[in-house]
N, C-alpha and C. Protein backbone atom coordinates (compact mmCIF):
# COMPACT_ATOMS: atom_id res chain seq x y z
N UNK A 1 118.90 132.00 118.85
CA UNK A 1 118.94 130.12 119.30
C UNK A 1 119.61 131.03 120.40
N UNK A 2 120.25 131.56 120.65
CA UNK A 2 121.01 131.83 122.37
C UNK A 2 120.40 131.90 123.64
N UNK A 3 119.27 132.18 123.18
CA UNK A 3 118.08 132.46 124.20
C UNK A 3 118.01 130.97 124.81
N UNK A 4 118.04 130.01 123.38
CA UNK A 4 117.65 128.67 124.61
C UNK A 4 118.27 128.17 124.36
N UNK A 5 119.67 128.37 125.09
CA UNK A 5 120.76 127.57 125.02
C UNK A 5 120.65 127.28 126.85
N UNK A 6 121.61 126.34 127.04
CA UNK A 6 122.47 126.41 128.21
C UNK A 6 123.40 125.82 128.67
N UNK A 7 123.80 125.76 129.67
CA UNK A 7 125.24 125.68 129.57
C UNK A 7 125.30 124.26 129.26
N UNK A 8 124.47 123.14 129.87
CA UNK A 8 124.94 122.48 129.30
C UNK A 8 124.44 121.96 127.16
N UNK A 9 123.66 122.45 126.55
CA UNK A 9 123.77 122.73 125.73
C UNK A 9 125.06 123.13 124.44
N UNK A 10 125.51 124.98 125.33
CA UNK A 10 125.93 125.54 125.00
C UNK A 10 128.10 124.80 125.06
N UNK A 11 128.33 123.88 126.51
CA UNK A 11 129.04 123.02 126.47
C UNK A 11 129.12 121.78 125.21
N UNK A 12 128.11 121.47 125.62
CA UNK A 12 128.38 120.10 124.19
C UNK A 12 128.77 120.01 122.57
N UNK A 13 128.05 121.58 122.40
CA UNK A 13 127.99 122.60 121.05
C UNK A 13 129.65 121.79 121.29
N UNK A 14 130.13 122.68 122.10
CA UNK A 14 131.58 123.35 122.07
C UNK A 14 132.52 122.24 122.01
N UNK A 15 131.61 121.41 123.06
CA UNK A 15 133.12 120.54 122.68
C UNK A 15 132.71 119.06 120.84
N UNK A 16 131.39 118.81 120.72
CA UNK A 16 131.46 118.59 119.13
C UNK A 16 132.58 119.24 118.54
N UNK A 17 132.01 120.16 118.21
CA UNK A 17 132.94 121.34 117.42
C UNK A 17 134.55 121.39 117.54
N UNK A 18 134.73 121.22 118.61
CA UNK A 18 136.67 121.30 119.15
C UNK A 18 136.52 119.72 118.49
N UNK A 19 136.07 118.52 118.74
CA UNK A 19 136.53 117.52 118.82
C UNK A 19 136.91 117.29 116.97
N UNK A 20 135.71 117.94 116.52
CA UNK A 20 135.92 117.94 114.86
C UNK A 20 137.02 118.10 114.37
N UNK A 21 137.55 119.41 114.92
CA UNK A 21 138.10 119.52 114.46
C UNK A 21 139.68 119.12 114.70
N UNK A 22 139.61 119.44 116.49
CA UNK A 22 141.03 118.14 116.43
C UNK A 22 141.03 117.19 115.40
N UNK A 23 140.31 116.45 115.23
CA UNK A 23 140.17 115.65 114.69
C UNK A 23 141.01 115.79 113.20
N UNK A 24 139.99 117.02 111.68
CA UNK A 24 140.72 116.81 111.54
C UNK A 24 142.38 117.15 111.04
N UNK A 25 142.65 119.03 112.47
CA UNK A 25 143.55 118.39 112.24
C UNK A 25 145.43 117.95 112.88
N UNK A 26 143.99 116.41 112.53
CA UNK A 26 145.54 115.31 113.79
C UNK A 26 145.93 114.20 112.47
N UNK A 27 145.13 114.73 110.87
CA UNK A 27 145.18 114.15 109.84
C UNK A 27 145.94 114.91 108.87
N UNK A 28 145.37 116.58 109.31
CA UNK A 28 146.99 117.66 108.80
C UNK A 28 148.21 116.50 108.70
N UNK A 29 148.98 117.13 107.05
CA UNK A 29 150.05 116.83 106.95
C UNK A 29 150.89 117.83 106.89
N UNK A 30 152.35 117.72 106.94
CA UNK A 30 153.72 118.89 106.93
C UNK A 30 152.44 120.45 105.04
N UNK A 31 152.21 119.48 104.59
CA UNK A 31 152.80 120.00 103.24
C UNK A 31 150.01 120.52 103.38
N UNK A 32 149.81 120.27 104.66
CA UNK A 32 148.96 119.91 104.33
C UNK A 32 148.49 121.62 104.79
N UNK A 33 149.45 122.53 105.79
CA UNK A 33 149.44 122.80 106.56
C UNK A 33 149.76 124.43 106.49
N UNK A 34 150.37 124.31 105.29
CA UNK A 34 151.33 124.63 103.77
C UNK A 34 150.64 125.62 102.98
N UNK A 35 148.95 125.06 102.20
CA UNK A 35 148.21 124.87 101.47
C UNK A 35 147.67 126.48 102.24
N UNK A 36 146.91 127.45 101.42
CA UNK A 36 145.67 127.93 101.45
C UNK A 36 145.03 128.56 101.06
N UNK A 37 144.64 129.58 101.09
CA UNK A 37 142.95 130.25 100.49
C UNK A 37 142.65 131.83 100.95
N UNK A 38 141.68 132.53 100.51
CA UNK A 38 142.06 133.58 100.60
C UNK A 38 140.89 133.70 102.00
N UNK A 39 140.67 134.08 102.90
CA UNK A 39 139.48 133.88 103.95
C UNK A 39 139.95 135.53 104.68
N UNK A 40 139.20 135.84 105.17
CA UNK A 40 137.90 136.66 104.53
C UNK A 40 138.48 137.60 103.84
N UNK A 41 139.61 138.33 103.72
CA UNK A 41 140.02 139.06 102.84
C UNK A 41 141.33 139.19 102.83
N UNK A 42 142.13 138.27 103.10
CA UNK A 42 143.47 137.82 102.58
C UNK A 42 144.24 136.76 103.67
N UNK A 43 145.20 136.32 101.62
CA UNK A 43 145.76 135.01 101.82
C UNK A 43 145.51 133.99 102.95
N UNK A 44 145.27 132.99 104.00
CA UNK A 44 145.65 132.98 105.02
C UNK A 44 145.82 130.93 104.77
N UNK A 45 147.09 130.15 105.96
CA UNK A 45 147.73 128.51 105.62
C UNK A 45 146.01 128.40 105.78
N UNK A 46 146.38 127.08 105.39
CA UNK A 46 145.86 125.75 106.37
C UNK A 46 146.05 125.75 107.82
N UNK A 47 147.45 126.53 107.75
CA UNK A 47 147.52 126.84 109.74
C UNK A 47 147.07 127.79 110.81
N UNK A 48 147.73 129.10 110.10
CA UNK A 48 147.02 130.20 110.35
C UNK A 48 145.52 129.86 110.56
N UNK A 49 144.65 128.78 109.73
CA UNK A 49 142.50 128.70 109.85
C UNK A 49 143.24 127.68 111.56
N UNK A 50 143.96 126.98 111.30
CA UNK A 50 143.10 126.07 112.25
C UNK A 50 143.68 126.63 113.46
N UNK A 51 144.60 127.56 113.97
CA UNK A 51 145.62 128.65 114.73
C UNK A 51 144.27 129.06 114.95
N UNK A 52 142.33 129.95 113.71
CA UNK A 52 142.13 130.75 114.90
C UNK A 52 141.28 130.24 115.54
N UNK A 53 140.76 129.22 116.17
CA UNK A 53 139.51 129.07 116.95
C UNK A 53 140.28 128.86 118.91
N UNK A 54 141.62 129.06 118.27
CA UNK A 54 142.33 129.25 119.12
C UNK A 54 142.07 130.79 120.16
N UNK A 55 142.74 131.90 118.96
CA UNK A 55 142.80 132.62 119.16
C UNK A 55 141.03 133.33 119.52
N UNK A 56 139.82 132.74 118.93
CA UNK A 56 138.62 133.53 119.09
C UNK A 56 138.76 133.37 120.41
N UNK A 57 138.22 132.08 120.81
CA UNK A 57 137.79 131.36 121.88
C UNK A 57 138.40 132.46 123.39
N UNK A 58 139.97 132.80 123.11
CA UNK A 58 140.76 133.41 123.72
C UNK A 58 139.91 134.99 124.10
N UNK A 59 139.58 135.44 122.67
CA UNK A 59 138.78 136.10 122.60
C UNK A 59 137.63 136.40 122.64
N UNK A 60 137.07 135.63 122.74
CA UNK A 60 135.76 135.25 123.59
C UNK A 60 135.59 135.09 125.18
N UNK A 61 136.88 134.33 126.00
CA UNK A 61 136.44 134.68 126.95
C UNK A 61 137.42 135.77 127.85
N UNK A 62 138.13 136.43 127.07
CA UNK A 62 138.65 137.28 128.38
C UNK A 62 136.86 138.76 128.04
N UNK A 63 136.29 138.54 126.51
CA UNK A 63 134.87 139.58 126.88
C UNK A 63 133.64 139.22 127.46
N UNK A 64 133.92 137.73 128.02
CA UNK A 64 132.55 137.35 129.24
C UNK A 64 133.77 137.75 130.13
N UNK A 65 134.68 137.49 130.40
CA UNK A 65 135.00 137.60 131.48
C UNK A 65 134.42 139.49 132.46
N UNK A 66 135.23 140.61 131.14
CA UNK A 66 134.63 141.77 131.26
C UNK A 66 132.92 141.78 131.51
N UNK A 67 132.56 141.34 130.94
CA UNK A 67 131.49 141.26 131.35
C UNK A 67 131.14 140.55 132.60
N UNK A 68 131.23 140.07 133.33
CA UNK A 68 131.01 139.38 134.68
C UNK A 68 131.26 140.02 135.35
N UNK A 69 132.58 141.24 135.52
CA UNK A 69 132.96 141.62 135.91
C UNK A 69 132.86 143.44 136.22
N UNK A 70 131.70 143.15 135.15
CA UNK A 70 131.20 144.75 135.22
C UNK A 70 132.08 145.85 135.08
N UNK A 71 132.68 145.54 133.54
CA UNK A 71 133.37 145.96 132.87
C UNK A 71 133.58 146.06 131.37
N UNK A 72 132.59 145.68 131.11
CA UNK A 72 131.92 145.36 129.69
C UNK A 72 133.07 146.60 128.91
N UNK A 73 132.89 146.66 127.29
CA UNK A 73 133.99 147.74 126.37
C UNK A 73 132.70 147.35 125.39
């Protein structure tokens, strides 16, 4: 599917996903943040799950920058 995407369609998809996540996070209580589940192989709290996209996006940003400067690992 990625081959059919444009910069605008990618931007809009990220914007929609971010808005949905931010709306959900805004509704969470302190008690909600402490709840958890096994994901994928170890227990993680809602707080950890809510923050994971930040870490994940930073990882992708670094990978993309490496490709753009010809230092793909």
